């Protein structure tokens, strides 16, 4: 397996200069703080893997900023308070508030405000990764840029699941060293995140992503199944399977849904669950279930237990 760079660290900034320096070093974006109020500390726990940055941040003071050099990332923010807003080019301001997530194209942000007591979880994704994920799902090159709706409601069960997934994943990544040691777990996690972003968050290509496409030949479907079985131990993702049989990701997804009432990754997950089940049975009571699950790509412990229980009718 190829090694996937993983970096975990914490940042603690206790001055305006420290905050400005941090943003410039972390994302290449230059913010000039224009005001501050009781900025005693800005603190964040980061987990950077395979191009993505997942963080949990809080500010004990308030500050405003002007963006002099924007970053090239899209930030998905799930707040735990109401004290955050940004203004994009064109002077439309979007406020982060409880019960809603925010999708921010940081290339367009001109200024912003962070209130005292603000906290939240953020996922930072390089914009090219999003373009590539959308194009892979569609099976053709994009003619226009991907534009996201600026907010999404956490009352939507799918979007609430995505927000909860990010919260739990941050805890798993920062507390479980096995996650960083498992390329399969990291690869599966990145694939899941990008599929959530493409399929759950509304954007300018959502209608195309969710529209029906032509049927897939049975022979290609069987080749996809065989490819998965032969590469269970490798960090393959859905586009690897689609490329192996020469179809688009969306076509593959719809074919699996039509024939098996599941997605390709759900089928792959079932095959890997079987490997976990067999390995636990072979080792016996001494088996380290968490370590085995992580090795087979299951980074989220609570989700893994749910998957296992649904598949085998009992806890691992």
C-alpha atoms as a PDB file:
ATOM      1  CA  UNK A   1       0.000   0.000   0.000  1.00  0.00           C
ATOM      2  CA  UNK A   2       1.122   3.543  -0.667  1.00  0.00           C
ATOM      3  CA  UNK A   3       1.803   5.670   2.367  1.00  0.00           C
ATOM      4  CA  UNK A   4      -0.599   8.597   2.797  1.00  0.00           C
ATOM      5  CA  UNK A   5       0.884  11.594   4.647  1.00  0.00           C
ATOM      6  CA  UNK A   6      -0.864  12.266   7.957  1.00  0.00           C
ATOM      7  CA  UNK A   7      -0.166  15.198  10.245  1.00  0.00           C
ATOM      8  CA  UNK A   8      -1.887  15.872  13.566  1.00  0.00           C
ATOM      9  CA  UNK A   9      -1.178  18.982  15.612  1.00  0.00           C
ATOM     10  CA  UNK A  10      -2.676  21.737  17.761  1.00  0.00           C
ATOM     11  CA  UNK A  11      -2.384  25.482  17.249  1.00  0.00           C
ATOM     12  CA  UNK A  12      -2.747  28.048  20.004  1.00  0.00           C
ATOM     13  CA  UNK A  13      -2.582  31.723  19.096  1.00  0.00           C
ATOM     14  CA  UNK A  14      -2.712  34.375  21.807  1.00  0.00           C
ATOM     15  CA  UNK A  15      -2.279  37.533  19.720  1.00  0.00           C
ATOM     16  CA  UNK A  16      -3.408  39.109  16.447  1.00  0.00           C
ATOM     17  CA  UNK A  17       0.048  38.598  14.930  1.00  0.00           C
ATOM     18  CA  UNK A  18       0.000  34.910  15.864  1.00  0.00           C
ATOM     19  CA  UNK A  19      -3.417  34.407  14.241  1.00  0.00           C
ATOM     20  CA  UNK A  20      -2.316  36.156  11.030  1.00  0.00           C
ATOM     21  CA  UNK A  21       0.891  34.122  10.881  1.00  0.00           C
ATOM     22  CA  UNK A  22      -0.956  30.885  11.463  1.00  0.00           C
ATOM     23  CA  UNK A  23      -3.458  31.370   8.637  1.00  0.00           C
ATOM     24  CA  UNK A  24      -0.661  32.306   6.234  1.00  0.00           C
ATOM     25  CA  UNK A  25       1.360  29.222   7.171  1.00  0.00           C
ATOM     26  CA  UNK A  26      -1.511  26.733   7.246  1.00  0.00           C
ATOM     27  CA  UNK A  27      -3.549  27.653   4.158  1.00  0.00           C
ATOM     28  CA  UNK A  28      -1.519  30.261   2.323  1.00  0.00           C
ATOM     29  CA  UNK A  29      -4.254  32.802   2.955  1.00  0.00           C
ATOM     30  CA  UNK A  30      -3.279  36.212   4.284  1.00  0.00           C
ATOM     31  CA  UNK A  31      -5.769  37.801   6.675  1.00  0.00           C
ATOM     32  CA  UNK A  32      -5.054  41.205   8.187  1.00  0.00           C
ATOM     33  CA  UNK A  33      -6.873  41.577  11.496  1.00  0.00           C
ATOM     34  CA  UNK A  34      -8.638  44.941  11.517  1.00  0.00           C
ATOM     35  CA  UNK A  35     -10.016  44.794  15.061  1.00  0.00           C
ATOM     36  CA  UNK A  36      -9.910  42.583  18.101  1.00  0.00           C
ATOM     37  CA  UNK A  37     -11.673  42.366  21.414  1.00  0.00           C
ATOM     38  CA  UNK A  38     -10.342  40.330  24.321  1.00  0.00           C
ATOM     39  CA  UNK A  39      -8.503  38.010  21.924  1.00  0.00           C
ATOM     40  CA  UNK A  40      -6.900  35.924  24.644  1.00  0.00           C
ATOM     41  CA  UNK A  41      -6.610  32.744  22.611  1.00  0.00           C
ATOM     42  CA  UNK A  42      -7.542  31.158  19.298  1.00  0.00           C
ATOM     43  CA  UNK A  43      -7.176  27.398  19.555  1.00  0.00           C
ATOM     44  CA  UNK A  44      -7.604  24.555  17.069  1.00  0.00           C
ATOM     45  CA  UNK A  45      -6.848  20.843  16.893  1.00  0.00           C
ATOM     46  CA  UNK A  46      -5.956  19.831  13.344  1.00  0.00           C
ATOM     47  CA  UNK A  47      -5.805  16.583  11.450  1.00  0.00           C
ATOM     48  CA  UNK A  48      -4.389  16.809   7.942  1.00  0.00           C
ATOM     49  CA  UNK A  49      -4.572  13.766   5.673  1.00  0.00           C
ATOM     50  CA  UNK A  50      -4.522  13.131   1.924  1.00  0.00           C
ATOM     51  CA  UNK A  51      -5.037  16.801   1.085  1.00  0.00           C
ATOM     52  CA  UNK A  52      -7.920  17.343   3.517  1.00  0.00           C
ATOM     53  CA  UNK A  53      -7.774  19.282   6.774  1.00  0.00           C
ATOM     54  CA  UNK A  54     -10.226  18.511   9.558  1.00  0.00           C
ATOM     55  CA  UNK A  55     -10.204  20.745  12.608  1.00  0.00           C
ATOM     56  CA  UNK A  56     -12.086  21.679  15.719  1.00  0.00           C
ATOM     57  CA  UNK A  57     -11.581  25.350  16.598  1.00  0.00           C
ATOM     58  CA  UNK A  58     -12.672  27.919  19.145  1.00  0.00           C
ATOM     59  CA  UNK A  59     -11.988  31.575  19.843  1.00  0.00           C
ATOM     60  CA  UNK A  60     -12.020  33.051  23.330  1.00  0.00           C
ATOM     61  CA  UNK A  61     -12.027  36.567  21.901  1.00  0.00           C
ATOM     62  CA  UNK A  62     -13.534  38.394  18.941  1.00  0.00           C
ATOM     63  CA  UNK A  63     -11.800  39.710  15.840  1.00  0.00           C
ATOM     64  CA  UNK A  64     -12.474  41.009  12.341  1.00  0.00           C
ATOM     65  CA  UNK A  65     -10.273  40.536   9.308  1.00  0.00           C
ATOM     66  CA  UNK A  66      -9.728  41.551   5.709  1.00  0.00           C
ATOM     67  CA  UNK A  67      -8.426  38.945   3.258  1.00  0.00           C
ATOM     68  CA  UNK A  68      -5.398  40.164   1.321  1.00  0.00           C
ATOM     69  CA  UNK A  69      -4.470  36.809  -0.286  1.00  0.00           C
ATOM     70  CA  UNK A  70      -7.261  34.187  -0.356  1.00  0.00           C
ATOM     71  CA  UNK A  71      -6.722  30.454   0.031  1.00  0.00           C
ATOM     72  CA  UNK A  72      -7.670  27.985  -2.707  1.00  0.00           C
ATOM     73  CA  UNK A  73      -9.825  25.853  -0.415  1.00  0.00           C
ATOM     74  CA  UNK A  74     -13.497  25.275   0.182  1.00  0.00           C
ATOM     75  CA  UNK A  75     -14.359  25.189   3.879  1.00  0.00           C
ATOM     76  CA  UNK A  76     -17.353  23.314   5.247  1.00  0.00           C
ATOM     77  CA  UNK A  77     -18.188  24.724   8.673  1.00  0.00           C
ATOM     78  CA  UNK A  78     -20.444  23.056  11.256  1.00  0.00           C
ATOM     79  CA  UNK A  79     -20.792  25.584  14.099  1.00  0.00           C
ATOM     80  CA  UNK A  80     -21.340  25.008  17.790  1.00  0.00           C
ATOM     81  CA  UNK A  81     -22.153  28.727  18.275  1.00  0.00           C
ATOM     82  CA  UNK A  82     -23.632  31.604  16.240  1.00  0.00           C
ATOM     83  CA  UNK A  83     -20.645  33.927  16.195  1.00  0.00           C
ATOM     84  CA  UNK A  84     -19.077  33.693  12.741  1.00  0.00           C
ATOM     85  CA  UNK A  85     -19.687  35.431   9.417  1.00  0.00           C
ATOM     86  CA  UNK A  86     -17.856  36.013   6.147  1.00  0.00           C
ATOM     87  CA  UNK A  87     -18.380  38.388   3.240  1.00  0.00           C
ATOM     88  CA  UNK A  88     -17.670  37.195  -0.284  1.00  0.00           C
ATOM     89  CA  UNK A  89     -16.848  39.122  -3.422  1.00  0.00           C
ATOM     90  CA  UNK A  90     -20.052  40.876  -4.430  1.00  0.00           C
ATOM     91  CA  UNK A  91     -20.665  41.909  -0.806  1.00  0.00           C
ATOM     92  CA  UNK A  92     -23.068  39.098   0.124  1.00  0.00           C
ATOM     93  CA  UNK A  93     -22.544  38.115   3.751  1.00  0.00           C
ATOM     94  CA  UNK A  94     -23.161  34.621   5.094  1.00  0.00           C
ATOM     95  CA  UNK A  95     -23.583  33.970   8.789  1.00  0.00           C
ATOM     96  CA  UNK A  96     -22.750  30.715  10.515  1.00  0.00           C
ATOM     97  CA  UNK A  97     -25.484  29.810  12.987  1.00  0.00           C
ATOM     98  CA  UNK A  98     -26.604  26.829  15.004  1.00  0.00           C
ATOM     99  CA  UNK A  99     -28.670  24.321  13.077  1.00  0.00           C
ATOM    100  CA  UNK A 100     -27.019  25.136   9.769  1.00  0.00           C
ATOM    101  CA  UNK A 101     -23.721  24.340   8.119  1.00  0.00           C
ATOM    102  CA  UNK A 102     -21.871  26.754   5.862  1.00  0.00           C
ATOM    103  CA  UNK A 103     -19.947  26.053   2.652  1.00  0.00           C
ATOM    104  CA  UNK A 104     -17.397  28.786   2.000  1.00  0.00           C
ATOM    105  CA  UNK A 105     -15.358  29.160  -1.184  1.00  0.00           C
ATOM    106  CA  UNK A 106     -12.380  30.847   0.444  1.00  0.00           C
ATOM    107  CA  UNK A 107     -11.153  32.140  -2.896  1.00  0.00           C
ATOM    108  CA  UNK A 108     -14.033  34.619  -2.821  1.00  0.00           C
ATOM    109  CA  UNK A 109     -13.888  35.762   0.796  1.00  0.00           C
ATOM    110  CA  UNK A 110     -12.983  39.423   1.210  1.00  0.00           C
ATOM    111  CA  UNK A 111     -13.562  39.935   4.934  1.00  0.00           C
ATOM    112  CA  UNK A 112     -15.058  38.268   7.979  1.00  0.00           C
ATOM    113  CA  UNK A 113     -15.854  38.381  11.660  1.00  0.00           C
ATOM    114  CA  UNK A 114     -15.394  35.850  14.433  1.00  0.00           C
ATOM    115  CA  UNK A 115     -17.224  36.513  17.669  1.00  0.00           C
ATOM    116  CA  UNK A 116     -16.092  35.749  21.177  1.00  0.00           C
ATOM    117  CA  UNK A 117     -16.954  32.208  22.150  1.00  0.00           C
ATOM    118  CA  UNK A 118     -17.189  30.936  18.587  1.00  0.00           C
ATOM    119  CA  UNK A 119     -16.500  27.228  18.150  1.00  0.00           C
ATOM    120  CA  UNK A 120     -17.087  24.655  15.475  1.00  0.00           C
ATOM    121  CA  UNK A 121     -15.786  21.840  13.309  1.00  0.00           C
ATOM    122  CA  UNK A 122     -14.386  22.624   9.873  1.00  0.00           C
ATOM    123  CA  UNK A 123     -13.400  20.566   6.873  1.00  0.00           C
ATOM    124  CA  UNK A 124     -11.049  22.265   4.429  1.00  0.00           C
ATOM    125  CA  UNK A 125     -10.903  20.775   0.908  1.00  0.00           C
ATOM    126  CA  UNK A 126      -8.703  22.057  -1.942  1.00  0.00           C
ATOM    127  CA  UNK A 127     -10.996  23.277  -4.704  1.00  0.00           C
ATOM    128  CA  UNK A 128      -9.295  21.081  -7.377  1.00  0.00           C
ATOM    129  CA  UNK A 129     -10.192  17.974  -5.321  1.00  0.00           C
ATOM    130  CA  UNK A 130     -13.848  18.971  -5.437  1.00  0.00           C
ATOM    131  CA  UNK A 131     -13.744  19.577  -9.183  1.00  0.00           C
ATOM    132  CA  UNK A 132     -12.105  16.201  -9.731  1.00  0.00           C
ATOM    133  CA  UNK A 133     -14.652  14.403  -7.511  1.00  0.00           C
ATOM    134  CA  UNK A 134     -17.614  15.955  -9.330  1.00  0.00           C
ATOM    135  CA  UNK A 135     -16.079  15.209 -12.738  1.00  0.00           C
ATOM    136  CA  UNK A 136     -15.385  11.583 -11.754  1.00  0.00           C
ATOM    137  CA  UNK A 137     -18.974  11.129 -10.646  1.00  0.00           C
ATOM    138  CA  UNK A 138     -20.288  12.585 -13.889  1.00  0.00           C
ATOM    139  CA  UNK A 139     -17.791  10.898 -16.178  1.00  0.00           C
ATOM    140  CA  UNK A 140     -16.908  14.037 -18.132  1.00  0.00           C
ATOM    141  CA  UNK A 141     -14.873  17.243 -17.778  1.00  0.00           C
ATOM    142  CA  UNK A 142     -16.618  20.218 -16.221  1.00  0.00           C
ATOM    143  CA  UNK A 143     -17.339  23.252 -18.364  1.00  0.00           C
ATOM    144  CA  UNK A 144     -18.159  25.592 -15.477  1.00  0.00           C
ATOM    145  CA  UNK A 145     -16.879  25.868 -11.932  1.00  0.00           C
ATOM    146  CA  UNK A 146     -18.611  24.085  -9.077  1.00  0.00           C
ATOM    147  CA  UNK A 147     -20.654  26.548  -7.020  1.00  0.00           C
ATOM    148  CA  UNK A 148     -22.135  25.407  -3.696  1.00  0.00           C
ATOM    149  CA  UNK A 149     -25.214  26.707  -1.946  1.00  0.00           C
ATOM    150  CA  UNK A 150     -23.738  28.729   0.957  1.00  0.00           C
ATOM    151  CA  UNK A 151     -25.760  27.018   3.718  1.00  0.00           C
ATOM    152  CA  UNK A 152     -27.245  23.608   4.416  1.00  0.00           C
ATOM    153  CA  UNK A 153     -29.787  22.702   7.055  1.00  0.00           C
ATOM    154  CA  UNK A 154     -28.912  20.158   9.711  1.00  0.00           C
ATOM    155  CA  UNK A 155     -32.601  19.273   9.910  1.00  0.00           C
ATOM    156  CA  UNK A 156     -32.016  17.310   6.700  1.00  0.00           C
ATOM    157  CA  UNK A 157     -31.131  13.791   7.965  1.00  0.00           C
ATOM    158  CA  UNK A 158     -28.426  13.243   5.326  1.00  0.00           C
ATOM    159  CA  UNK A 159     -26.715  16.557   5.982  1.00  0.00           C
ATOM    160  CA  UNK A 160     -27.034  16.098   9.738  1.00  0.00           C
ATOM    161  CA  UNK A 161     -25.389  12.685   9.344  1.00  0.00           C
ATOM    162  CA  UNK A 162     -22.548  14.309   7.399  1.00  0.00           C
ATOM    163  CA  UNK A 163     -22.057  16.916  10.149  1.00  0.00           C
ATOM    164  CA  UNK A 164     -22.094  14.226  12.857  1.00  0.00           C
ATOM    165  CA  UNK A 165     -19.678  12.162  10.797  1.00  0.00           C
ATOM    166  CA  UNK A 166     -17.199  15.059  10.700  1.00  0.00           C
ATOM    167  CA  UNK A 167     -17.460  15.583  14.471  1.00  0.00           C
ATOM    168  CA  UNK A 168     -16.921  11.886  15.199  1.00  0.00           C
ATOM    169  CA  UNK A 169     -14.173  11.522  12.615  1.00  0.00           C
ATOM    170  CA  UNK A 170     -12.215  14.340  14.231  1.00  0.00           C
ATOM    171  CA  UNK A 171     -12.408  12.539  17.572  1.00  0.00           C
ATOM    172  CA  UNK A 172     -11.355   9.252  15.988  1.00  0.00           C
ATOM    173  CA  UNK A 173      -8.473  10.797  14.066  1.00  0.00           C
ATOM    174  CA  UNK A 174      -7.045  12.685  17.033  1.00  0.00           C
ATOM    175  CA  UNK A 175      -7.487   9.899  19.597  1.00  0.00           C
ATOM    176  CA  UNK A 176      -6.743   6.742  17.600  1.00  0.00           C
ATOM    177  CA  UNK A 177      -3.148   6.416  16.341  1.00  0.00           C
ATOM    178  CA  UNK A 178      -4.241   3.356  14.348  1.00  0.00           C
ATOM    179  CA  UNK A 179      -6.096   5.657  11.937  1.00  0.00           C
ATOM    180  CA  UNK A 180      -2.919   7.318  10.708  1.00  0.00           C
ATOM    181  CA  UNK A 181      -1.208   3.941  10.434  1.00  0.00           C
ATOM    182  CA  UNK A 182      -3.848   2.482   8.121  1.00  0.00           C
ATOM    183  CA  UNK A 183      -3.697   3.679   4.486  1.00  0.00           C
ATOM    184  CA  UNK A 184      -6.853   1.654   3.844  1.00  0.00           C
ATOM    185  CA  UNK A 185      -8.757   3.500   6.584  1.00  0.00           C
ATOM    186  CA  UNK A 186      -7.562   6.886   5.349  1.00  0.00           C
ATOM    187  CA  UNK A 187      -8.350   6.115   1.721  1.00  0.00           C
ATOM    188  CA  UNK A 188     -11.835   4.851   2.591  1.00  0.00           C
ATOM    189  CA  UNK A 189     -12.472   7.920   4.751  1.00  0.00           C
ATOM    190  CA  UNK A 190     -11.395  10.387   2.054  1.00  0.00           C
ATOM    191  CA  UNK A 191     -13.570   8.602  -0.495  1.00  0.00           C
ATOM    192  CA  UNK A 192     -16.562   8.703   1.865  1.00  0.00           C
ATOM    193  CA  UNK A 193     -16.059  12.413   2.583  1.00  0.00           C
ATOM    194  CA  UNK A 194     -15.816  13.350  -1.091  1.00  0.00           C
ATOM    195  CA  UNK A 195     -18.907  11.281  -1.926  1.00  0.00           C
ATOM    196  CA  UNK A 196     -20.789  13.070   0.867  1.00  0.00           C
ATOM    197  CA  UNK A 197     -19.664  16.467  -0.454  1.00  0.00           C
ATOM    198  CA  UNK A 198     -20.639  15.625  -4.036  1.00  0.00           C
ATOM    199  CA  UNK A 199     -23.948  13.897  -3.245  1.00  0.00           C
ATOM    200  CA  UNK A 200     -25.251  15.501  -0.031  1.00  0.00           C
ATOM    201  CA  UNK A 201     -24.343  19.186  -0.405  1.00  0.00           C
ATOM    202  CA  UNK A 202     -26.247  21.122  -3.037  1.00  0.00           C
ATOM    203  CA  UNK A 203     -24.150  22.629  -5.832  1.00  0.00           C
ATOM    204  CA  UNK A 204     -24.404  23.704  -9.439  1.00  0.00           C
ATOM    205  CA  UNK A 205     -23.942  20.134 -10.739  1.00  0.00           C
ATOM    206  CA  UNK A 206     -26.230  18.366  -8.255  1.00  0.00           C
ATOM    207  CA  UNK A 207     -29.021  17.880 -10.783  1.00  0.00           C
ATOM    208  CA  UNK A 208     -26.589  16.209 -13.208  1.00  0.00           C
ATOM    209  CA  UNK A 209     -25.044  14.044 -10.484  1.00  0.00           C
ATOM    210  CA  UNK A 210     -28.432  12.701  -9.416  1.00  0.00           C
ATOM    211  CA  UNK A 211     -29.935  12.282 -12.885  1.00  0.00           C
ATOM    212  CA  UNK A 212     -30.314   8.806 -14.392  1.00  0.00           C
ATOM    213  CA  UNK A 213     -27.797   7.521 -16.952  1.00  0.00           C
ATOM    214  CA  UNK A 214     -27.696   4.635 -19.375  1.00  0.00           C
ATOM    215  CA  UNK A 215     -27.672   1.052 -18.138  1.00  0.00           C
ATOM    216  CA  UNK A 216     -24.443  -0.835 -17.512  1.00  0.00           C
ATOM    217  CA  UNK A 217     -23.735  -4.154 -19.190  1.00  0.00           C
ATOM    218  CA  UNK A 218     -23.976  -7.163 -16.877  1.00  0.00           C
ATOM    219  CA  UNK A 219     -20.434  -8.206 -17.821  1.00  0.00           C
ATOM    220  CA  UNK A 220     -19.034  -4.866 -16.638  1.00  0.00           C
ATOM    221  CA  UNK A 221     -20.954  -5.154 -13.392  1.00  0.00           C
ATOM    222  CA  UNK A 222     -19.459  -8.594 -12.746  1.00  0.00           C
ATOM    223  CA  UNK A 223     -15.989  -7.267 -13.596  1.00  0.00           C
ATOM    224  CA  UNK A 224     -16.505  -4.527 -11.028  1.00  0.00           C
ATOM    225  CA  UNK A 225     -17.432  -7.130  -8.388  1.00  0.00           C
ATOM    226  CA  UNK A 226     -14.409  -9.252  -9.277  1.00  0.00           C
ATOM    227  CA  UNK A 227     -12.121  -6.208  -9.137  1.00  0.00           C
ATOM    228  CA  UNK A 228     -13.322  -5.377  -5.620  1.00  0.00           C
ATOM    229  CA  UNK A 229     -12.796  -8.929  -4.399  1.00  0.00           C
ATOM    230  CA  UNK A 230      -9.261  -8.990  -5.817  1.00  0.00           C
ATOM    231  CA  UNK A 231      -8.259  -5.661  -4.239  1.00  0.00           C
ATOM    232  CA  UNK A 232      -9.899  -5.810  -0.804  1.00  0.00           C
ATOM    233  CA  UNK A 233      -6.590  -5.248   0.983  1.00  0.00           C
ATOM    234  CA  UNK A 234      -5.754  -2.143  -1.058  1.00  0.00           C
ATOM    235  CA  UNK A 235      -6.969   1.455  -0.502  1.00  0.00           C
ATOM    236  CA  UNK A 236      -9.192   1.467  -3.587  1.00  0.00           C
ATOM    237  CA  UNK A 237     -12.018   3.980  -3.936  1.00  0.00           C
ATOM    238  CA  UNK A 238     -15.099   4.070  -6.109  1.00  0.00           C
ATOM    239  CA  UNK A 239     -13.389   5.725  -9.086  1.00  0.00           C
ATOM    240  CA  UNK A 240     -10.764   2.945  -9.122  1.00  0.00           C
ATOM    241  CA  UNK A 241     -13.545   0.408  -9.618  1.00  0.00           C
ATOM    242  CA  UNK A 242     -15.249   2.517 -12.294  1.00  0.00           C
ATOM    243  CA  UNK A 243     -11.962   3.052 -14.158  1.00  0.00           C
ATOM    244  CA  UNK A 244     -11.188  -0.668 -14.043  1.00  0.00           C
ATOM    245  CA  UNK A 245     -14.344  -1.469 -16.009  1.00  0.00           C
ATOM    246  CA  UNK A 246     -14.440   1.670 -18.164  1.00  0.00           C
ATOM    247  CA  UNK A 247     -17.574   3.464 -16.914  1.00  0.00           C
ATOM    248  CA  UNK A 248     -18.338   6.613 -14.941  1.00  0.00           C
ATOM    249  CA  UNK A 249     -18.658   6.576 -11.162  1.00  0.00           C
ATOM    250  CA  UNK A 250     -22.306   7.613 -11.367  1.00  0.00           C
ATOM    251  CA  UNK A 251     -23.109   4.849 -13.866  1.00  0.00           C
ATOM    252  CA  UNK A 252     -21.500   2.305 -11.552  1.00  0.00           C
ATOM    253  CA  UNK A 253     -23.427   3.640  -8.563  1.00  0.00           C
ATOM    254  CA  UNK A 254     -26.758   3.505 -10.352  1.00  0.00           C
ATOM    255  CA  UNK A 255     -26.041   0.001 -11.669  1.00  0.00           C
ATOM    256  CA  UNK A 256     -25.339  -1.315  -8.160  1.00  0.00           C
ATOM    257  CA  UNK A 257     -28.415   0.436  -6.828  1.00  0.00           C
ATOM    258  CA  UNK A 258     -30.547  -1.100  -9.593  1.00  0.00           C
ATOM    259  CA  UNK A 259     -29.180  -4.652  -9.329  1.00  0.00           C
ATOM    260  CA  UNK A 260     -28.212  -4.991  -5.652  1.00  0.00           C
ATOM    261  CA  UNK A 261     -30.003  -2.115  -3.869  1.00  0.00           C
ATOM    262  CA  UNK A 262     -26.710  -0.790  -2.534  1.00  0.00           C
ATOM    263  CA  UNK A 263     -23.815   1.424  -3.618  1.00  0.00           C
ATOM    264  CA  UNK A 264     -20.478   0.024  -4.841  1.00  0.00           C
ATOM    265  CA  UNK A 265     -18.808   1.125  -1.606  1.00  0.00           C
ATOM    266  CA  UNK A 266     -21.502  -0.548   0.484  1.00  0.00           C
ATOM    267  CA  UNK A 267     -20.783  -3.784  -1.386  1.00  0.00           C
ATOM    268  CA  UNK A 268     -17.050  -3.310  -0.809  1.00  0.00           C
ATOM    269  CA  UNK A 269     -17.753  -2.624   2.848  1.00  0.00           C
ATOM    270  CA  UNK A 270     -19.645  -5.899   3.181  1.00  0.00           C
ATOM    271  CA  UNK A 271     -16.718  -7.795   1.674  1.00  0.00           C
ATOM    272  CA  UNK A 272     -14.321  -6.157   4.128  1.00  0.00           C
ATOM    273  CA  UNK A 273     -16.684  -6.806   7.045  1.00  0.00           C
ATOM    274  CA  UNK A 274     -16.505 -10.477   6.111  1.00  0.00           C
ATOM    275  CA  UNK A 275     -12.697 -10.279   6.320  1.00  0.00           C
ATOM    276  CA  UNK A 276     -12.926  -8.684   9.778  1.00  0.00           C
ATOM    277  CA  UNK A 277     -15.428 -11.333  10.884  1.00  0.00           C
ATOM    278  CA  UNK A 278     -13.234 -14.199   9.659  1.00  0.00           C
ATOM    279  CA  UNK A 279     -10.088 -12.740  11.225  1.00  0.00           C
ATOM    280  CA  UNK A 280     -11.793 -12.275  14.614  1.00  0.00           C
ATOM    281  CA  UNK A 281     -13.087 -15.841  14.458  1.00  0.00           C
ATOM    282  CA  UNK A 282      -9.640 -17.189  13.566  1.00  0.00           C
ATOM    283  CA  UNK A 283      -7.855 -15.371  16.424  1.00  0.00           C
ATOM    284  CA  UNK A 284     -10.547 -15.933  19.042  1.00  0.00           C
ATOM    285  CA  UNK A 285     -11.163 -14.031  22.295  1.00  0.00           C
ATOM    286  CA  UNK A 286      -7.689 -12.495  22.207  1.00  0.00           C
ATOM    287  CA  UNK A 287      -8.485 -10.578  18.994  1.00  0.00           C
ATOM    288  CA  UNK A 288      -8.002  -6.789  19.107  1.00  0.00           C
ATOM    289  CA  UNK A 289     -11.218  -5.944  17.267  1.00  0.00           C
ATOM    290  CA  UNK A 290     -10.556  -2.205  16.941  1.00  0.00           C
ATOM    291  CA  UNK A 291      -7.132  -2.807  15.423  1.00  0.00           C
ATOM    292  CA  UNK A 292      -8.460  -5.411  12.994  1.00  0.00           C
ATOM    293  CA  UNK A 293     -11.344  -3.145  11.970  1.00  0.00           C
ATOM    294  CA  UNK A 294      -9.001  -0.203  11.393  1.00  0.00           C
ATOM    295  CA  UNK A 295      -6.676  -2.343   9.288  1.00  0.00           C
ATOM    296  CA  UNK A 296      -9.611  -3.225   7.017  1.00  0.00           C
ATOM    297  CA  UNK A 297     -10.590   0.417   6.571  1.00  0.00           C
ATOM    298  CA  UNK A 298     -13.120   1.019   9.363  1.00  0.00           C
ATOM    299  CA  UNK A 299     -11.946   4.228  11.010  1.00  0.00           C
ATOM    300  CA  UNK A 300     -15.191   5.108  12.788  1.00  0.00           C
ATOM    301  CA  UNK A 301     -15.722   2.675  15.689  1.00  0.00           C
ATOM    302  CA  UNK A 302     -19.410   3.360  16.341  1.00  0.00           C
ATOM    303  CA  UNK A 303     -20.280   3.117  12.665  1.00  0.00           C
ATOM    304  CA  UNK A 304     -18.245  -0.075  12.368  1.00  0.00           C
ATOM    305  CA  UNK A 305     -20.201  -1.691  15.215  1.00  0.00           C
ATOM    306  CA  UNK A 306     -23.462  -0.699  13.523  1.00  0.00           C
ATOM    307  CA  UNK A 307     -22.313  -2.112  10.186  1.00  0.00           C
ATOM    308  CA  UNK A 308     -21.125  -5.332  11.834  1.00  0.00           C
ATOM    309  CA  UNK A 309     -24.348  -5.779  13.807  1.00  0.00           C
ATOM    310  CA  UNK A 310     -26.470  -5.205  10.696  1.00  0.00           C
ATOM    311  CA  UNK A 311     -24.383  -7.674   8.691  1.00  0.00           C
ATOM    312  CA  UNK A 312     -23.978 -10.492  11.235  1.00  0.00           C
ATOM    313  CA  UNK A 313     -26.777  -9.907  13.751  1.00  0.00           C
ATOM    314  CA  UNK A 314     -24.502  -9.400  16.747  1.00  0.00           C
ATOM    315  CA  UNK A 315     -21.750  -7.147  18.096  1.00  0.00           C
ATOM    316  CA  UNK A 316     -18.147  -7.908  17.120  1.00  0.00           C
END
